[in-house]
Amino acid sequence: MKFGKLYIVATPIGNRADISNRSLEILSMVDFIAAEDTRKTRHLISSFGIKQKIISFHDHNEKSIVKKLINKIKDGNTIALVSDAGTPCINDPGYTLVKFAREENIDVLPIPGASSIISALSVSGMPIDSFCYEGYLPAKSEKRKSKLMELTGENRTIIFLVSVHKIKDSVDDLILIFGNNRECFIAREMTKMHEQYVKCDLQELSLKIKNQVIPVKGEFILIIEGSKKKNSSNDLLLAKKIIPELIHTNSSSEIINLISKTTTLKRNEIYKIILEMKN
C-alpha cells in the first residue's frame, strides 16, 4: 500500500478570514487532523463546514501518539497537523512527528500561511536581513537574566515570544541587561480586535506597560534591536551591573564562564569584580 502524506497546515493567528483557500482544501480532504487543541480546531473548521476527524496532539502526549500517527500514514491515510494558531512546529508540538515522518520516507508538505513571528517582524521597521528567534524567555528571573546575558553580543535583530504574565518582569530584565536605550518593537493581539503595535526604546516600553498604554492582556511578540559593535568599556559596565544580580544564586565559576562567553572581559578581570562585590 502506498503511504499517505503529512501536511503541515498554517491556520490564522487571530482573524479567521486570513485562512487560505488551500488550507481549507487540505483540511477538508485529509483523513485526520492532528490538533494541539481539539476544541479550538473543531470551532475553526466547523465555521467553514469541515467535519474531519480530529486527533488530540499536544506537548503532553506528543511522544506517545507519534507512532500511532506514523502508522496511520503508512496505512495510506493523509493527516494534517495544525496548531492553536499560525504555523505548526514553531514553539508548538510537531517537531518529533515531522522528524519521524522524514525518517520513514513519508512525504511532508507545507501549506503556508500565517506566522506571528514573521508577521510582527514585517511591520516592525527593524533590520530583517538577518535576525534570530529565541522563543519564550525562561520563566524564572535568574535563568532569564543568564539567557539575556548570552545575547548581549548578538548583533542581529532578536525576536521573543512573551507570556502576558511575564511581560513586565521580562522588560525589566531586558533593561537591566541591554540598557534603557535599546530600540524595541512590541506586537500585541495581532490581527485581533484589539491589536496594537508600538516601537520605542526599552525604557519607554516599560513606562507604557506600567501606565497601561500597553495593556497587560493578550499575546505579545517582542523584537529587540541587535547589539552594536562590542566595546570593552561597555562590557565592564555591564559586568558590574549584572554580577550583583547573579552573585547570590550562582557560583563564581558559573558567573565567570557566563560573562567571559558574552563579553570581551578576561576571566581574571571578572574574578576581580566578583571579589570587589563580595567585600
C-alpha atoms as a PDB file:
ATOM      1  CA  MET A   1       0.000   0.000   0.000  1.00  0.00           C
ATOM      2  CA  LYS A   2       1.223   3.461  -0.879  1.00  0.00           C
ATOM      3  CA  PHE A   3       1.973   5.745   2.071  1.00  0.00           C
ATOM      4  CA  GLY A   4      -0.279   8.697   2.769  1.00  0.00           C
ATOM      5  CA  LYS A   5       1.091  12.190   3.346  1.00  0.00           C
ATOM      6  CA  LEU A   6       1.597  14.542   6.253  1.00  0.00           C
ATOM      7  CA  TYR A   7       0.555  18.147   5.701  1.00  0.00           C
ATOM      8  CA  ILE A   8       1.766  20.957   7.968  1.00  0.00           C
ATOM      9  CA  VAL A   9      -1.121  23.405   7.734  1.00  0.00           C
ATOM     10  CA  ALA A  10      -0.921  27.023   8.881  1.00  0.00           C
ATOM     11  CA  THR A  11      -4.062  28.485  10.433  1.00  0.00           C
ATOM     12  CA  PRO A  12      -4.922  32.118  11.301  1.00  0.00           C
ATOM     13  CA  ILE A  13      -3.240  33.784  14.269  1.00  0.00           C
ATOM     14  CA  GLY A  14      -6.412  35.679  15.118  1.00  0.00           C
ATOM     15  CA  ASN A  15      -8.604  36.735  12.239  1.00  0.00           C
ATOM     16  CA  ARG A  16     -10.270  33.689  10.683  1.00  0.00           C
ATOM     17  CA  ALA A  17     -10.524  35.480   7.335  1.00  0.00           C
ATOM     18  CA  ASP A  18      -6.749  35.023   6.979  1.00  0.00           C
ATOM     19  CA  ILE A  19      -7.036  31.291   6.330  1.00  0.00           C
ATOM     20  CA  SER A  20      -6.056  30.354   2.790  1.00  0.00           C
ATOM     21  CA  ASN A  21      -8.216  28.526   0.273  1.00  0.00           C
ATOM     22  CA  ARG A  22      -5.536  25.857   0.023  1.00  0.00           C
ATOM     23  CA  SER A  23      -5.537  25.303   3.804  1.00  0.00           C
ATOM     24  CA  LEU A  24      -9.309  24.810   3.700  1.00  0.00           C
ATOM     25  CA  GLU A  25      -8.954  22.457   0.742  1.00  0.00           C
ATOM     26  CA  ILE A  26      -6.395  20.286   2.541  1.00  0.00           C
ATOM     27  CA  LEU A  27      -8.289  20.269   5.845  1.00  0.00           C
ATOM     28  CA  SER A  28     -11.445  19.142   4.057  1.00  0.00           C
ATOM     29  CA  MET A  29      -9.768  16.277   2.165  1.00  0.00           C
ATOM     30  CA  VAL A  30      -7.436  14.663   4.722  1.00  0.00           C
ATOM     31  CA  ASP A  31      -8.459  11.577   6.678  1.00  0.00           C
ATOM     32  CA  PHE A  32      -7.444  13.014  10.041  1.00  0.00           C
ATOM     33  CA  ILE A  33      -6.485  16.369  11.556  1.00  0.00           C
ATOM     34  CA  ALA A  34      -3.913  16.260  14.374  1.00  0.00           C
ATOM     35  CA  ALA A  35      -4.615  19.294  16.547  1.00  0.00           C
ATOM     36  CA  GLU A  36      -2.981  20.911  19.569  1.00  0.00           C
ATOM     37  CA  ASP A  37      -6.371  21.972  20.959  1.00  0.00           C
ATOM     38  CA  THR A  38      -9.242  19.892  19.579  1.00  0.00           C
ATOM     39  CA  ARG A  39     -11.920  22.358  20.719  1.00  0.00           C
ATOM     40  CA  LYS A  40     -10.295  25.349  19.028  1.00  0.00           C
ATOM     41  CA  THR A  41      -9.681  23.389  15.862  1.00  0.00           C
ATOM     42  CA  ARG A  42     -13.216  21.994  15.806  1.00  0.00           C
ATOM     43  CA  HIS A  43     -14.583  25.507  16.204  1.00  0.00           C
ATOM     44  CA  LEU A  44     -12.370  26.770  13.357  1.00  0.00           C
ATOM     45  CA  ILE A  45     -13.103  24.043  10.833  1.00  0.00           C
ATOM     46  CA  SER A  46     -16.812  23.893  11.703  1.00  0.00           C
ATOM     47  CA  SER A  47     -17.127  27.570  10.802  1.00  0.00           C
ATOM     48  CA  PHE A  48     -16.076  26.552   7.276  1.00  0.00           C
ATOM     49  CA  GLY A  49     -18.321  23.482   7.146  1.00  0.00           C
ATOM     50  CA  ILE A  50     -15.450  20.990   7.596  1.00  0.00           C
ATOM     51  CA  LYS A  51     -16.179  17.883   9.695  1.00  0.00           C
ATOM     52  CA  GLN A  52     -12.996  15.794   9.521  1.00  0.00           C
ATOM     53  CA  LYS A  53     -11.936  13.525  12.403  1.00  0.00           C
ATOM     54  CA  ILE A  54      -9.637  15.279  14.884  1.00  0.00           C
ATOM     55  CA  ILE A  55      -6.897  13.589  16.917  1.00  0.00           C
ATOM     56  CA  SER A  56      -5.519  15.334  20.009  1.00  0.00           C
ATOM     57  CA  PHE A  57      -1.801  16.062  19.597  1.00  0.00           C
ATOM     58  CA  HIS A  58      -0.098  18.273  22.191  1.00  0.00           C
ATOM     59  CA  ASP A  59       3.064  18.648  24.266  1.00  0.00           C
ATOM     60  CA  HIS A  60       1.949  16.115  26.879  1.00  0.00           C
ATOM     61  CA  ASN A  61       1.069  13.275  24.505  1.00  0.00           C
ATOM     62  CA  GLU A  62       3.354  14.003  21.542  1.00  0.00           C
ATOM     63  CA  LYS A  63       5.820  11.167  22.199  1.00  0.00           C
ATOM     64  CA  SER A  64       3.137   8.553  22.792  1.00  0.00           C
ATOM     65  CA  ILE A  65       0.968   9.433  19.802  1.00  0.00           C
ATOM     66  CA  VAL A  66       3.624   9.971  17.124  1.00  0.00           C
ATOM     67  CA  LYS A  67       3.914   6.242  16.384  1.00  0.00           C
ATOM     68  CA  LYS A  68       0.141   5.967  16.055  1.00  0.00           C
ATOM     69  CA  LEU A  69       0.050   8.819  13.534  1.00  0.00           C
ATOM     70  CA  ILE A  70       3.011   7.456  11.571  1.00  0.00           C
ATOM     71  CA  ASN A  71       1.301   4.050  11.341  1.00  0.00           C
ATOM     72  CA  LYS A  72      -1.894   5.674  10.067  1.00  0.00           C
ATOM     73  CA  ILE A  73       0.077   7.422   7.330  1.00  0.00           C
ATOM     74  CA  LYS A  74       1.855   4.167   6.439  1.00  0.00           C
ATOM     75  CA  ASP A  75      -1.585   2.568   6.086  1.00  0.00           C
ATOM     76  CA  GLY A  76      -2.389   5.109   3.383  1.00  0.00           C
ATOM     77  CA  ASN A  77      -4.120   7.829   5.427  1.00  0.00           C
ATOM     78  CA  THR A  78      -3.391  11.521   4.971  1.00  0.00           C
ATOM     79  CA  ILE A  79      -3.016  13.695   8.070  1.00  0.00           C
ATOM     80  CA  ALA A  80      -2.990  17.461   8.520  1.00  0.00           C
ATOM     81  CA  LEU A  81      -1.109  18.854  11.513  1.00  0.00           C
ATOM     82  CA  VAL A  82      -2.377  22.163  12.898  1.00  0.00           C
ATOM     83  CA  SER A  83      -1.518  24.192  15.997  1.00  0.00           C
ATOM     84  CA  ASP A  84      -3.701  26.555  18.022  1.00  0.00           C
ATOM     85  CA  ALA A  85      -2.737  29.379  15.685  1.00  0.00           C
ATOM     86  CA  GLY A  86      -0.194  30.097  12.987  1.00  0.00           C
ATOM     87  CA  THR A  87       2.378  27.723  11.528  1.00  0.00           C
ATOM     88  CA  PRO A  88       2.818  24.395  13.393  1.00  0.00           C
ATOM     89  CA  CYS A  89       6.127  23.179  14.862  1.00  0.00           C
ATOM     90  CA  ILE A  90       7.366  26.675  15.795  1.00  0.00           C
ATOM     91  CA  ASN A  91       7.061  26.746  19.588  1.00  0.00           C
ATOM     92  CA  ASP A  92       4.269  24.201  19.135  1.00  0.00           C
ATOM     93  CA  PRO A  93       4.139  20.398  19.049  1.00  0.00           C
ATOM     94  CA  GLY A  94       5.116  18.725  15.790  1.00  0.00           C
ATOM     95  CA  TYR A  95       8.895  18.529  15.506  1.00  0.00           C
ATOM     96  CA  THR A  96       9.001  14.862  16.597  1.00  0.00           C
ATOM     97  CA  LEU A  97       6.232  13.888  14.205  1.00  0.00           C
ATOM     98  CA  VAL A  98       7.940  15.577  11.245  1.00  0.00           C
ATOM     99  CA  LYS A  99      11.314  14.066  12.211  1.00  0.00           C
ATOM    100  CA  PHE A 100       9.920  10.514  12.345  1.00  0.00           C
ATOM    101  CA  ALA A 101       7.940  11.020   9.140  1.00  0.00           C
ATOM    102  CA  ARG A 102      11.102  12.091   7.334  1.00  0.00           C
ATOM    103  CA  GLU A 103      12.967   9.073   8.705  1.00  0.00           C
ATOM    104  CA  GLU A 104      10.208   6.811   7.341  1.00  0.00           C
ATOM    105  CA  ASN A 105      10.380   8.475   3.895  1.00  0.00           C
ATOM    106  CA  ILE A 106       6.882   9.890   4.275  1.00  0.00           C
ATOM    107  CA  ASP A 107       6.093  12.975   2.226  1.00  0.00           C
ATOM    108  CA  VAL A 108       5.794  16.024   4.495  1.00  0.00           C
ATOM    109  CA  LEU A 109       4.291  19.014   2.717  1.00  0.00           C
ATOM    110  CA  PRO A 110       3.904  22.603   3.986  1.00  0.00           C
ATOM    111  CA  ILE A 111       0.659  24.503   3.465  1.00  0.00           C
ATOM    112  CA  PRO A 112       1.947  28.038   4.103  1.00  0.00           C
ATOM    113  CA  GLY A 113       0.066  30.748   5.912  1.00  0.00           C
ATOM    114  CA  ALA A 114       0.207  32.988   8.939  1.00  0.00           C
ATOM    115  CA  SER A 115       3.220  33.113  11.253  1.00  0.00           C
ATOM    116  CA  SER A 116       3.101  35.506  14.193  1.00  0.00           C
ATOM    117  CA  ILE A 117       6.885  35.836  14.211  1.00  0.00           C
ATOM    118  CA  ILE A 118       7.251  36.840  10.578  1.00  0.00           C
ATOM    119  CA  SER A 119       4.104  38.966  10.654  1.00  0.00           C
ATOM    120  CA  ALA A 120       5.430  41.020  13.578  1.00  0.00           C
ATOM    121  CA  LEU A 121       8.881  41.317  12.047  1.00  0.00           C
ATOM    122  CA  SER A 122       7.452  42.526   8.734  1.00  0.00           C
ATOM    123  CA  VAL A 123       5.830  45.593  10.343  1.00  0.00           C
ATOM    124  CA  SER A 124       8.487  46.314  12.977  1.00  0.00           C
ATOM    125  CA  GLY A 125      10.734  48.614  10.983  1.00  0.00           C
ATOM    126  CA  MET A 126      13.700  46.669  12.402  1.00  0.00           C
ATOM    127  CA  PRO A 127      16.529  45.291  10.243  1.00  0.00           C
ATOM    128  CA  ILE A 128      15.268  41.995   8.806  1.00  0.00           C
ATOM    129  CA  ASP A 129      18.129  40.995   6.537  1.00  0.00           C
ATOM    130  CA  SER A 130      19.412  38.934   9.478  1.00  0.00           C
ATOM    131  CA  PHE A 131      17.549  38.005  12.673  1.00  0.00           C
ATOM    132  CA  CYS A 132      17.358  35.320  15.338  1.00  0.00           C
ATOM    133  CA  TYR A 133      14.326  33.793  17.009  1.00  0.00           C
ATOM    134  CA  GLU A 134      14.677  32.895  20.708  1.00  0.00           C
ATOM    135  CA  GLY A 135      11.152  31.714  21.537  1.00  0.00           C
ATOM    136  CA  TYR A 136       9.994  32.167  25.128  1.00  0.00           C
ATOM    137  CA  LEU A 137      12.441  33.524  27.672  1.00  0.00           C
ATOM    138  CA  PRO A 138      12.855  31.394  30.828  1.00  0.00           C
ATOM    139  CA  ALA A 139      10.094  31.927  33.382  1.00  0.00           C
ATOM    140  CA  LYS A 140      12.424  32.370  36.366  1.00  0.00           C
ATOM    141  CA  SER A 141      14.250  35.683  36.638  1.00  0.00           C
ATOM    142  CA  GLU A 142      17.768  34.363  37.254  1.00  0.00           C
ATOM    143  CA  LYS A 143      17.636  31.997  34.287  1.00  0.00           C
ATOM    144  CA  ARG A 144      16.089  34.754  32.197  1.00  0.00           C
ATOM    145  CA  LYS A 145      18.935  37.122  33.068  1.00  0.00           C
ATOM    146  CA  SER A 146      21.504  34.441  32.261  1.00  0.00           C
ATOM    147  CA  LYS A 147      19.868  33.858  28.875  1.00  0.00           C
ATOM    148  CA  LEU A 148      19.836  37.577  28.118  1.00  0.00           C
ATOM    149  CA  MET A 149      23.499  37.792  29.107  1.00  0.00           C
ATOM    150  CA  GLU A 150      24.249  35.234  26.406  1.00  0.00           C
ATOM    151  CA  LEU A 151      22.555  37.534  23.884  1.00  0.00           C
ATOM    152  CA  THR A 152      24.290  40.785  24.806  1.00  0.00           C
ATOM    153  CA  GLY A 153      26.714  40.452  21.904  1.00  0.00           C
ATOM    154  CA  GLU A 154      24.073  39.363  19.372  1.00  0.00           C
ATOM    155  CA  ASN A 155      24.087  41.914  16.552  1.00  0.00           C
ATOM    156  CA  ARG A 156      21.089  40.501  14.686  1.00  0.00           C
ATOM    157  CA  THR A 157      17.524  41.589  15.401  1.00  0.00           C
ATOM    158  CA  ILE A 158      16.216  39.364  18.237  1.00  0.00           C
ATOM    159  CA  ILE A 159      12.641  38.042  18.433  1.00  0.00           C
ATOM    160  CA  PHE A 160      10.988  36.769  21.617  1.00  0.00           C
ATOM    161  CA  LEU A 161       7.575  35.412  22.495  1.00  0.00           C
ATOM    162  CA  VAL A 162       6.469  36.783  25.869  1.00  0.00           C
ATOM    163  CA  SER A 163       3.733  35.468  28.139  1.00  0.00           C
ATOM    164  CA  VAL A 164       1.205  38.002  29.394  1.00  0.00           C
ATOM    165  CA  HIS A 165       2.217  37.023  32.939  1.00  0.00           C
ATOM    166  CA  LYS A 166       5.902  37.739  32.303  1.00  0.00           C
ATOM    167  CA  ILE A 167       5.875  40.845  30.114  1.00  0.00           C
ATOM    168  CA  LYS A 168       6.596  43.346  32.932  1.00  0.00           C
ATOM    169  CA  ASP A 169       9.378  41.299  34.516  1.00  0.00           C
ATOM    170  CA  SER A 170      10.898  40.430  31.137  1.00  0.00           C
ATOM    171  CA  VAL A 171      11.102  44.080  30.110  1.00  0.00           C
ATOM    172  CA  ASP A 172      12.678  44.973  33.480  1.00  0.00           C
ATOM    173  CA  ASP A 173      15.331  42.290  32.954  1.00  0.00           C
ATOM    174  CA  LEU A 174      15.925  43.439  29.380  1.00  0.00           C
ATOM    175  CA  ILE A 175      16.581  46.970  30.656  1.00  0.00           C
ATOM    176  CA  LEU A 176      18.963  45.602  33.277  1.00  0.00           C
ATOM    177  CA  ILE A 177      20.987  43.632  30.729  1.00  0.00           C
ATOM    178  CA  PHE A 178      20.598  45.619  27.497  1.00  0.00           C
ATOM    179  CA  GLY A 179      20.153  49.115  28.934  1.00  0.00           C
ATOM    180  CA  ASN A 180      17.376  51.720  28.657  1.00  0.00           C
ATOM    181  CA  ASN A 181      18.059  52.871  25.130  1.00  0.00           C
ATOM    182  CA  ARG A 182      17.893  49.647  23.143  1.00  0.00           C
ATOM    183  CA  GLU A 183      15.256  50.035  20.437  1.00  0.00           C
ATOM    184  CA  CYS A 184      12.367  47.598  20.539  1.00  0.00           C
ATOM    185  CA  PHE A 185       9.034  46.786  18.935  1.00  0.00           C
ATOM    186  CA  ILE A 186       6.071  45.077  20.540  1.00  0.00           C
ATOM    187  CA  ALA A 187       3.136  43.434  18.772  1.00  0.00           C
ATOM    188  CA  ARG A 188       0.082  42.591  20.867  1.00  0.00           C
ATOM    189  CA  GLU A 189      -3.012  40.613  19.799  1.00  0.00           C
ATOM    190  CA  MET A 190      -2.058  40.635  16.123  1.00  0.00           C
ATOM    191  CA  THR A 191      -4.969  40.555  13.619  1.00  0.00           C
ATOM    192  CA  LYS A 192      -7.476  40.572  16.504  1.00  0.00           C
ATOM    193  CA  MET A 193      -9.925  43.284  17.570  1.00  0.00           C
ATOM    194  CA  HIS A 194      -7.524  44.993  19.987  1.00  0.00           C
ATOM    195  CA  GLU A 195      -4.270  44.566  18.054  1.00  0.00           C
ATOM    196  CA  GLN A 196      -1.543  47.016  18.989  1.00  0.00           C
ATOM    197  CA  TYR A 197       1.920  47.846  17.660  1.00  0.00           C
ATOM    198  CA  VAL A 198       4.440  50.068  19.445  1.00  0.00           C
ATOM    199  CA  LYS A 199       8.018  50.972  18.539  1.00  0.00           C
ATOM    200  CA  CYS A 200      10.164  52.763  21.121  1.00  0.00           C
ATOM    201  CA  ASP A 201      13.136  52.131  23.396  1.00  0.00           C
ATOM    202  CA  LEU A 202      13.031  49.722  26.336  1.00  0.00           C
ATOM    203  CA  GLN A 203      12.649  52.458  28.946  1.00  0.00           C
ATOM    204  CA  GLU A 204       9.632  53.938  27.177  1.00  0.00           C
ATOM    205  CA  LEU A 205       8.186  50.455  26.680  1.00  0.00           C
ATOM    206  CA  SER A 206       8.424  49.819  30.413  1.00  0.00           C
ATOM    207  CA  LEU A 207       6.590  53.088  31.154  1.00  0.00           C
ATOM    208  CA  LYS A 208       3.865  52.348  28.599  1.00  0.00           C
ATOM    209  CA  ILE A 209       3.241  48.956  30.191  1.00  0.00           C
ATOM    210  CA  LYS A 210       3.198  50.368  33.728  1.00  0.00           C
ATOM    211  CA  ASN A 211       0.817  53.159  32.678  1.00  0.00           C
ATOM    212  CA  GLN A 212      -1.430  50.708  30.812  1.00  0.00           C
ATOM    213  CA  VAL A 213      -0.859  52.470  27.497  1.00  0.00           C
ATOM    214  CA  ILE A 214       0.025  48.925  26.506  1.00  0.00           C
ATOM    215  CA  PRO A 215      -2.490  46.758  28.402  1.00  0.00           C
ATOM    216  CA  VAL A 216      -1.144  43.611  30.011  1.00  0.00           C
ATOM    217  CA  LYS A 217      -3.614  41.476  28.103  1.00  0.00           C
ATOM    218  CA  GLY A 218      -3.343  39.054  25.210  1.00  0.00           C
ATOM    219  CA  GLU A 219      -0.311  37.651  23.437  1.00  0.00           C
ATOM    220  CA  PHE A 220       2.978  39.514  22.887  1.00  0.00           C
ATOM    221  CA  ILE A 221       5.832  39.331  20.434  1.00  0.00           C
ATOM    222  CA  LEU A 222       8.812  41.442  21.428  1.00  0.00           C
ATOM    223  CA  ILE A 223      11.501  42.391  18.908  1.00  0.00           C
ATOM    224  CA  ILE A 224      14.790  43.874  20.106  1.00  0.00           C
ATOM    225  CA  GLU A 225      17.432  45.786  18.185  1.00  0.00           C
ATOM    226  CA  GLY A 226      20.695  43.898  17.786  1.00  0.00           C
ATOM    227  CA  SER A 227      23.795  44.936  19.668  1.00  0.00           C
ATOM    228  CA  LYS A 228      26.228  47.446  18.245  1.00  0.00           C
ATOM    229  CA  LYS A 229      29.919  46.579  17.986  1.00  0.00           C
ATOM    230  CA  LYS A 230      31.373  45.265  21.223  1.00  0.00           C
ATOM    231  CA  ASN A 231      33.194  47.727  23.388  1.00  0.00           C
ATOM    232  CA  SER A 232      35.343  46.646  26.333  1.00  0.00           C
ATOM    233  CA  SER A 233      34.355  49.644  28.486  1.00  0.00           C
ATOM    234  CA  ASN A 234      30.686  48.871  27.920  1.00  0.00           C
ATOM    235  CA  ASP A 235      31.378  45.254  28.822  1.00  0.00           C
ATOM    236  CA  LEU A 236      32.948  46.364  32.100  1.00  0.00           C
ATOM    237  CA  LEU A 237      29.897  48.470  32.965  1.00  0.00           C
ATOM    238  CA  LEU A 238      27.614  45.582  32.070  1.00  0.00           C
ATOM    239  CA  ALA A 239      29.570  43.138  34.215  1.00  0.00           C
ATOM    240  CA  LYS A 240      29.437  45.478  37.222  1.00  0.00           C
ATOM    241  CA  LYS A 241      25.707  45.843  36.680  1.00  0.00           C
ATOM    242  CA  ILE A 242      24.807  42.167  36.321  1.00  0.00           C
ATOM    243  CA  ILE A 243      27.176  40.454  38.778  1.00  0.00           C
ATOM    244  CA  PRO A 244      25.251  41.678  41.868  1.00  0.00           C
ATOM    245  CA  GLU A 245      22.129  40.116  40.316  1.00  0.00           C
ATOM    246  CA  LEU A 246      23.842  36.754  39.811  1.00  0.00           C
ATOM    247  CA  ILE A 247      26.125  36.542  42.817  1.00  0.00           C
ATOM    248  CA  HIS A 248      23.502  35.200  45.245  1.00  0.00           C
ATOM    249  CA  THR A 249      22.337  32.330  43.029  1.00  0.00           C
ATOM    250  CA  ASN A 250      25.427  31.394  41.014  1.00  0.00           C
ATOM    251  CA  SER A 251      28.940  30.293  41.912  1.00  0.00           C
ATOM    252  CA  SER A 252      31.908  32.470  40.976  1.00  0.00           C
ATOM    253  CA  SER A 253      32.969  29.996  38.291  1.00  0.00           C
ATOM    254  CA  GLU A 254      29.473  29.987  36.751  1.00  0.00           C
ATOM    255  CA  ILE A 255      29.441  33.803  36.637  1.00  0.00           C
ATOM    256  CA  ILE A 256      32.935  33.913  35.139  1.00  0.00           C
ATOM    257  CA  ASN A 257      32.023  31.356  32.465  1.00  0.00           C
ATOM    258  CA  LEU A 258      28.861  33.226  31.513  1.00  0.00           C
ATOM    259  CA  ILE A 259      30.393  36.711  31.344  1.00  0.00           C
ATOM    260  CA  SER A 260      33.578  35.585  29.592  1.00  0.00           C
ATOM    261  CA  LYS A 261      31.475  33.973  26.847  1.00  0.00           C
ATOM    262  CA  THR A 262      29.365  37.072  26.245  1.00  0.00           C
ATOM    263  CA  THR A 263      31.851  39.941  26.700  1.00  0.00           C
ATOM    264  CA  THR A 264      35.431  40.830  25.826  1.00  0.00           C
ATOM    265  CA  LEU A 265      36.464  40.725  29.506  1.00  0.00           C
ATOM    266  CA  LYS A 266      39.153  38.282  30.603  1.00  0.00           C
ATOM    267  CA  ARG A 267      38.444  35.715  33.330  1.00  0.00           C
ATOM    268  CA  ASN A 268      40.796  37.348  35.846  1.00  0.00           C
ATOM    269  CA  GLU A 269      39.099  40.722  35.273  1.00  0.00           C
ATOM    270  CA  ILE A 270      35.705  39.201  36.004  1.00  0.00           C
ATOM    271  CA  TYR A 271      37.030  37.424  39.100  1.00  0.00           C
ATOM    272  CA  LYS A 272      38.411  40.725  40.388  1.00  0.00           C
ATOM    273  CA  ILE A 273      34.968  42.351  40.003  1.00  0.00           C
ATOM    274  CA  ILE A 274      33.342  39.467  41.878  1.00  0.00           C
ATOM    275  CA  LEU A 275      35.795  39.841  44.758  1.00  0.00           C
ATOM    276  CA  GLU A 276      35.102  43.571  44.909  1.00  0.00           C
ATOM    277  CA  MET A 277      31.356  42.886  45.050  1.00  0.00           C
ATOM    278  CA  LYS A 278      31.750  40.357  47.852  1.00  0.00           C
ATOM    279  CA  ASN A 279      33.905  42.608  50.020  1.00  0.00           C
END
